[in-house]
Amino acid sequence: MVVSLMRPVFEALGVTDVDLMSLIVRKGAHFSEYAVLGVLARCLYGALRSERASFMTNYPVTFVIMVVMVPVVDECLQLFVPGRSGQPTDVLIDLAGLATGALLAWLVGRLRARRGR
């Protein structure tokens, strides 16, 4: 469905192979889902830090590891679903989305803090 909606855009960019369109849409969905998770994780970390939640503020690496494990576990679970497969490339795409979302949330926070001064 999404591919059919995006088809005019793909064709304007010179992409005519439907399989390639589908691949781009699926990988873009992976990236964007995890970008949202990255934003949420960054906001949660900021809220926990401001509330002085000692576990998360004293051990930020633990927080990062917990968030990074989400795409790893997600892809591992897919190994047990008929017709699905866990792909290391999907984990990398997911991690890139996480990092991008977290970075965007951090940048927005910094910009808001500067404007507040």
N, C-alpha and C. Protein backbone atom coordinates (compact mmCIF):
# COMPACT_ATOMS: atom_id res chain seq x y z
N MET A 1 0.82 -1.20 0.00
CA MET A 1 0.00 0.00 0.00
C MET A 1 0.86 1.26 0.00
N VAL A 2 1.85 1.31 0.89
CA VAL A 2 2.72 2.48 0.96
C VAL A 2 3.52 2.63 -0.32
N VAL A 3 3.95 1.50 -0.86
CA VAL A 3 4.72 1.54 -2.11
C VAL A 3 3.87 2.15 -3.22
N SER A 4 2.60 1.75 -3.30
CA SER A 4 1.74 2.30 -4.36
C SER A 4 1.51 3.79 -4.16
N LEU A 5 1.44 4.24 -2.90
CA LEU A 5 1.29 5.68 -2.64
C LEU A 5 2.55 6.45 -3.00
N MET A 6 3.70 5.82 -2.76
CA MET A 6 4.98 6.48 -3.00
C MET A 6 5.50 6.29 -4.43
N ARG A 7 4.84 5.47 -5.20
CA ARG A 7 5.32 5.14 -6.55
C ARG A 7 5.62 6.37 -7.40
N PRO A 8 4.75 7.41 -7.45
CA PRO A 8 5.08 8.59 -8.26
C PRO A 8 6.38 9.28 -7.81
N VAL A 9 6.62 9.29 -6.51
CA VAL A 9 7.85 9.89 -5.99
C VAL A 9 9.05 9.07 -6.43
N PHE A 10 8.95 7.74 -6.27
CA PHE A 10 10.05 6.87 -6.69
C PHE A 10 10.34 7.02 -8.17
N GLU A 11 9.28 7.02 -8.97
CA GLU A 11 9.47 7.13 -10.41
C GLU A 11 10.06 8.48 -10.79
N ALA A 12 9.70 9.53 -10.09
CA ALA A 12 10.30 10.84 -10.35
C ALA A 12 11.79 10.84 -10.03
N LEU A 13 12.18 9.98 -9.09
CA LEU A 13 13.59 9.85 -8.74
C LEU A 13 14.31 8.82 -9.61
N GLY A 14 13.59 8.20 -10.53
CA GLY A 14 14.19 7.24 -11.44
C GLY A 14 14.18 5.80 -10.95
N VAL A 15 13.48 5.53 -9.85
CA VAL A 15 13.38 4.17 -9.33
C VAL A 15 12.10 3.55 -9.87
N THR A 16 12.26 2.50 -10.70
CA THR A 16 11.08 1.88 -11.31
C THR A 16 10.87 0.44 -10.86
N ASP A 17 11.85 -0.16 -10.21
CA ASP A 17 11.74 -1.54 -9.75
C ASP A 17 10.90 -1.59 -8.48
N VAL A 18 9.79 -2.32 -8.53
CA VAL A 18 8.86 -2.41 -7.40
C VAL A 18 9.54 -3.07 -6.18
N ASP A 19 10.38 -4.06 -6.42
CA ASP A 19 11.08 -4.71 -5.31
C ASP A 19 12.01 -3.74 -4.59
N LEU A 20 12.68 -2.89 -5.34
CA LEU A 20 13.55 -1.88 -4.75
C LEU A 20 12.73 -0.85 -3.98
N MET A 21 11.59 -0.46 -4.53
CA MET A 21 10.70 0.46 -3.83
C MET A 21 10.27 -0.13 -2.49
N SER A 22 9.89 -1.41 -2.52
CA SER A 22 9.46 -2.09 -1.30
C SER A 22 10.59 -2.15 -0.28
N LEU A 23 11.79 -2.45 -0.75
CA LEU A 23 12.95 -2.51 0.14
C LEU A 23 13.19 -1.16 0.80
N ILE A 24 13.14 -0.10 0.03
CA ILE A 24 13.37 1.25 0.56
C ILE A 24 12.31 1.61 1.59
N VAL A 25 11.06 1.29 1.29
CA VAL A 25 9.97 1.59 2.23
C VAL A 25 10.14 0.79 3.52
N ARG A 26 10.46 -0.51 3.41
CA ARG A 26 10.61 -1.34 4.62
C ARG A 26 11.79 -0.88 5.47
N LYS A 27 12.91 -0.58 4.84
CA LYS A 27 14.08 -0.15 5.61
C LYS A 27 13.86 1.26 6.18
N GLY A 28 13.15 2.09 5.44
CA GLY A 28 12.80 3.42 5.95
C GLY A 28 11.88 3.33 7.16
N ALA A 29 11.00 2.34 7.14
CA ALA A 29 10.10 2.12 8.29
C ALA A 29 10.92 1.68 9.51
N HIS A 30 11.88 0.78 9.29
CA HIS A 30 12.76 0.36 10.39
C HIS A 30 13.45 1.58 10.99
N PHE A 31 14.05 2.39 10.13
CA PHE A 31 14.80 3.56 10.58
C PHE A 31 13.90 4.52 11.35
N SER A 32 12.73 4.84 10.78
CA SER A 32 11.87 5.84 11.41
C SER A 32 11.25 5.34 12.72
N GLU A 33 10.90 4.06 12.80
CA GLU A 33 10.36 3.52 14.06
C GLU A 33 11.38 3.67 15.18
N TYR A 34 12.60 3.33 14.87
CA TYR A 34 13.63 3.39 15.90
C TYR A 34 14.10 4.82 16.16
N ALA A 35 13.92 5.72 15.19
CA ALA A 35 14.20 7.13 15.44
C ALA A 35 13.22 7.67 16.49
N VAL A 36 11.97 7.24 16.39
CA VAL A 36 10.98 7.63 17.40
C VAL A 36 11.38 7.06 18.76
N LEU A 37 11.83 5.81 18.79
CA LEU A 37 12.29 5.22 20.04
C LEU A 37 13.49 5.99 20.59
N GLY A 38 14.38 6.44 19.71
CA GLY A 38 15.53 7.23 20.14
C GLY A 38 15.12 8.54 20.79
N VAL A 39 14.13 9.21 20.19
CA VAL A 39 13.61 10.45 20.78
C VAL A 39 13.01 10.16 22.15
N LEU A 40 12.18 9.11 22.23
CA LEU A 40 11.55 8.77 23.50
C LEU A 40 12.58 8.38 24.56
N ALA A 41 13.58 7.62 24.16
CA ALA A 41 14.62 7.20 25.11
C ALA A 41 15.41 8.40 25.62
N ARG A 42 15.72 9.32 24.73
CA ARG A 42 16.47 10.52 25.15
C ARG A 42 15.63 11.37 26.10
N CYS A 43 14.36 11.51 25.79
CA CYS A 43 13.47 12.28 26.66
C CYS A 43 13.32 11.59 28.02
N LEU A 44 13.19 10.27 28.02
CA LEU A 44 13.08 9.53 29.27
C LEU A 44 14.35 9.70 30.10
N TYR A 45 15.50 9.60 29.45
CA TYR A 45 16.76 9.75 30.18
C TYR A 45 16.86 11.15 30.80
N GLY A 46 16.47 12.16 30.03
CA GLY A 46 16.49 13.52 30.56
C GLY A 46 15.55 13.69 31.74
N ALA A 47 14.36 13.08 31.65
CA ALA A 47 13.40 13.18 32.75
C ALA A 47 13.93 12.45 33.98
N LEU A 48 14.50 11.27 33.78
CA LEU A 48 15.04 10.53 34.91
C LEU A 48 16.19 11.28 35.56
N ARG A 49 17.01 11.90 34.73
CA ARG A 49 18.14 12.65 35.26
C ARG A 49 17.68 13.86 36.05
N SER A 50 16.65 14.52 35.56
CA SER A 50 16.15 15.70 36.29
C SER A 50 15.46 15.29 37.60
N GLU A 51 14.92 14.08 37.64
CA GLU A 51 14.29 13.57 38.86
C GLU A 51 15.30 12.90 39.78
N ARG A 52 16.54 12.89 39.35
CA ARG A 52 17.63 12.27 40.12
C ARG A 52 17.37 10.79 40.40
N ALA A 53 16.87 10.10 39.40
CA ALA A 53 16.69 8.66 39.53
C ALA A 53 18.08 8.03 39.51
N SER A 54 18.56 7.68 40.66
CA SER A 54 19.97 7.35 40.84
C SER A 54 20.46 6.22 39.94
N PHE A 55 19.66 5.18 39.74
CA PHE A 55 20.14 4.07 38.94
C PHE A 55 20.51 4.52 37.53
N MET A 56 19.62 5.26 36.89
CA MET A 56 19.88 5.68 35.51
C MET A 56 20.91 6.79 35.42
N THR A 57 20.93 7.68 36.38
CA THR A 57 21.90 8.77 36.29
C THR A 57 23.29 8.33 36.70
N ASN A 58 23.37 7.36 37.60
CA ASN A 58 24.69 6.87 38.00
C ASN A 58 25.26 5.88 37.00
N TYR A 59 24.40 5.25 36.23
CA TYR A 59 24.85 4.24 35.28
C TYR A 59 24.26 4.51 33.89
N PRO A 60 24.64 5.60 33.23
CA PRO A 60 24.07 5.90 31.91
C PRO A 60 24.41 4.83 30.87
N VAL A 61 25.52 4.15 31.05
CA VAL A 61 25.89 3.09 30.10
C VAL A 61 24.86 1.96 30.16
N THR A 62 24.36 1.67 31.35
CA THR A 62 23.33 0.64 31.50
C THR A 62 22.08 1.04 30.73
N PHE A 63 21.70 2.30 30.82
CA PHE A 63 20.54 2.80 30.09
C PHE A 63 20.74 2.64 28.59
N VAL A 64 21.92 3.03 28.11
CA VAL A 64 22.22 2.93 26.68
C VAL A 64 22.18 1.47 26.24
N ILE A 65 22.78 0.58 27.01
CA ILE A 65 22.79 -0.83 26.66
C ILE A 65 21.36 -1.38 26.59
N MET A 66 20.53 -0.99 27.54
CA MET A 66 19.14 -1.46 27.54
C MET A 66 18.42 -1.00 26.28
N VAL A 67 18.62 0.23 25.87
CA VAL A 67 17.97 0.75 24.67
C VAL A 67 18.53 0.09 23.41
N VAL A 68 19.83 -0.11 23.37
CA VAL A 68 20.47 -0.73 22.20
C VAL A 68 20.04 -2.18 22.05
N MET A 69 19.72 -2.83 23.15
CA MET A 69 19.31 -4.23 23.08
C MET A 69 17.93 -4.41 22.43
N VAL A 70 17.13 -3.38 22.37
CA VAL A 70 15.78 -3.50 21.80
C VAL A 70 15.83 -3.99 20.35
N PRO A 71 16.58 -3.34 19.44
CA PRO A 71 16.61 -3.87 18.07
C PRO A 71 17.29 -5.23 17.97
N VAL A 72 18.26 -5.50 18.82
CA VAL A 72 18.92 -6.81 18.79
C VAL A 72 17.92 -7.90 19.16
N VAL A 73 17.18 -7.69 20.24
CA VAL A 73 16.19 -8.67 20.67
C VAL A 73 15.07 -8.78 19.63
N ASP A 74 14.66 -7.67 19.06
CA ASP A 74 13.61 -7.67 18.04
C ASP A 74 14.01 -8.55 16.86
N GLU A 75 15.22 -8.39 16.38
CA GLU A 75 15.67 -9.21 15.24
C GLU A 75 15.85 -10.67 15.63
N CYS A 76 16.29 -10.93 16.85
CA CYS A 76 16.43 -12.32 17.31
C CYS A 76 15.07 -13.00 17.41
N LEU A 77 14.06 -12.28 17.88
CA LEU A 77 12.71 -12.85 17.96
C LEU A 77 12.17 -13.22 16.59
N GLN A 78 12.56 -12.46 15.58
CA GLN A 78 12.08 -12.74 14.23
C GLN A 78 12.59 -14.08 13.71
N LEU A 79 13.66 -14.58 14.29
CA LEU A 79 14.19 -15.88 13.88
C LEU A 79 13.21 -17.01 14.19
N PHE A 80 12.29 -16.77 15.13
CA PHE A 80 11.33 -17.79 15.54
C PHE A 80 9.96 -17.61 14.89
N VAL A 81 9.82 -16.63 14.02
CA VAL A 81 8.54 -16.37 13.35
C VAL A 81 8.62 -16.92 11.92
N PRO A 82 7.71 -17.83 11.57
CA PRO A 82 7.73 -18.38 10.21
C PRO A 82 7.61 -17.27 9.15
N GLY A 83 8.45 -17.35 8.15
CA GLY A 83 8.42 -16.37 7.07
C GLY A 83 9.22 -15.10 7.35
N ARG A 84 9.79 -14.99 8.53
CA ARG A 84 10.58 -13.82 8.89
C ARG A 84 12.02 -14.25 9.12
N SER A 85 12.92 -13.29 9.08
CA SER A 85 14.31 -13.60 9.38
C SER A 85 14.93 -12.40 10.08
N GLY A 86 15.80 -12.67 11.02
CA GLY A 86 16.52 -11.61 11.70
C GLY A 86 17.74 -11.23 10.87
N GLN A 87 17.87 -9.97 10.57
CA GLN A 87 18.97 -9.51 9.72
C GLN A 87 19.90 -8.58 10.48
N PRO A 88 21.20 -8.85 10.46
CA PRO A 88 22.15 -7.93 11.09
C PRO A 88 22.08 -6.52 10.48
N THR A 89 21.79 -6.44 9.19
CA THR A 89 21.68 -5.12 8.57
C THR A 89 20.50 -4.34 9.14
N ASP A 90 19.42 -5.05 9.48
CA ASP A 90 18.28 -4.37 10.09
C ASP A 90 18.64 -3.83 11.47
N VAL A 91 19.46 -4.57 12.20
CA VAL A 91 19.92 -4.09 13.50
C VAL A 91 20.71 -2.79 13.31
N LEU A 92 21.56 -2.75 12.31
CA LEU A 92 22.35 -1.54 12.04
C LEU A 92 21.46 -0.37 11.64
N ILE A 93 20.47 -0.65 10.80
CA ILE A 93 19.52 0.41 10.40
C ILE A 93 18.76 0.91 11.63
N ASP A 94 18.31 -0.03 12.47
CA ASP A 94 17.59 0.34 13.69
C ASP A 94 18.46 1.17 14.62
N LEU A 95 19.72 0.78 14.78
CA LEU A 95 20.64 1.53 15.64
C LEU A 95 20.90 2.92 15.08
N ALA A 96 20.99 3.02 13.76
CA ALA A 96 21.16 4.34 13.13
C ALA A 96 19.95 5.22 13.40
N GLY A 97 18.76 4.63 13.33
CA GLY A 97 17.54 5.37 13.64
C GLY A 97 17.51 5.80 15.10
N LEU A 98 17.89 4.90 16.00
CA LEU A 98 17.96 5.24 17.43
C LEU A 98 18.90 6.42 17.66
N ALA A 99 20.08 6.32 17.11
CA ALA A 99 21.08 7.37 17.30
C ALA A 99 20.60 8.70 16.71
N THR A 100 19.99 8.64 15.54
CA THR A 100 19.49 9.86 14.91
C THR A 100 18.39 10.50 15.75
N GLY A 101 17.44 9.70 16.21
CA GLY A 101 16.36 10.22 17.04
C GLY A 101 16.87 10.82 18.33
N ALA A 102 17.80 10.10 18.99
CA ALA A 102 18.36 10.61 20.25
C ALA A 102 19.14 11.90 20.01
N LEU A 103 19.89 11.95 18.93
CA LEU A 103 20.64 13.16 18.61
C LEU A 103 19.72 14.33 18.32
N LEU A 104 18.66 14.09 17.56
CA LEU A 104 17.70 15.16 17.27
C LEU A 104 17.04 15.67 18.55
N ALA A 105 16.66 14.74 19.44
CA ALA A 105 16.05 15.15 20.71
C ALA A 105 17.04 15.97 21.54
N TRP A 106 18.29 15.55 21.55
CA TRP A 106 19.33 16.28 22.29
C TRP A 106 19.51 17.68 21.70
N LEU A 107 19.58 17.77 20.36
CA LEU A 107 19.75 19.07 19.70
C LEU A 107 18.58 20.00 19.97
N VAL A 108 17.37 19.48 19.89
CA VAL A 108 16.19 20.29 20.18
C VAL A 108 16.23 20.78 21.62
N GLY A 109 16.62 19.91 22.53
CA GLY A 109 16.75 20.31 23.94
C GLY A 109 17.77 21.41 24.12
N ARG A 110 18.90 21.30 23.44
CA ARG A 110 19.94 22.33 23.52
C ARG A 110 19.45 23.66 22.96
N LEU A 111 18.77 23.61 21.83
CA LEU A 111 18.24 24.84 21.22
C LEU A 111 17.20 25.49 22.11
N ARG A 112 16.34 24.69 22.72
CA ARG A 112 15.33 25.24 23.63
C ARG A 112 15.99 25.86 24.87
N ALA A 113 17.03 25.24 25.36
CA ALA A 113 17.74 25.76 26.53
C ALA A 113 18.41 27.09 26.20
N ARG A 114 18.97 27.20 25.00
CA ARG A 114 19.62 28.45 24.60
C ARG A 114 18.62 29.58 24.44
N ARG A 115 17.47 29.26 23.89
CA ARG A 115 16.44 30.29 23.71
C ARG A 115 15.88 30.75 25.05
N GLY A 116 15.91 29.87 26.04
CA GLY A 116 15.40 30.20 27.36
C GLY A 116 16.33 31.10 28.15
N ARG A 117 17.56 31.22 27.71
CA ARG A 117 18.54 32.04 28.46
C ARG A 117 18.34 33.49 28.23
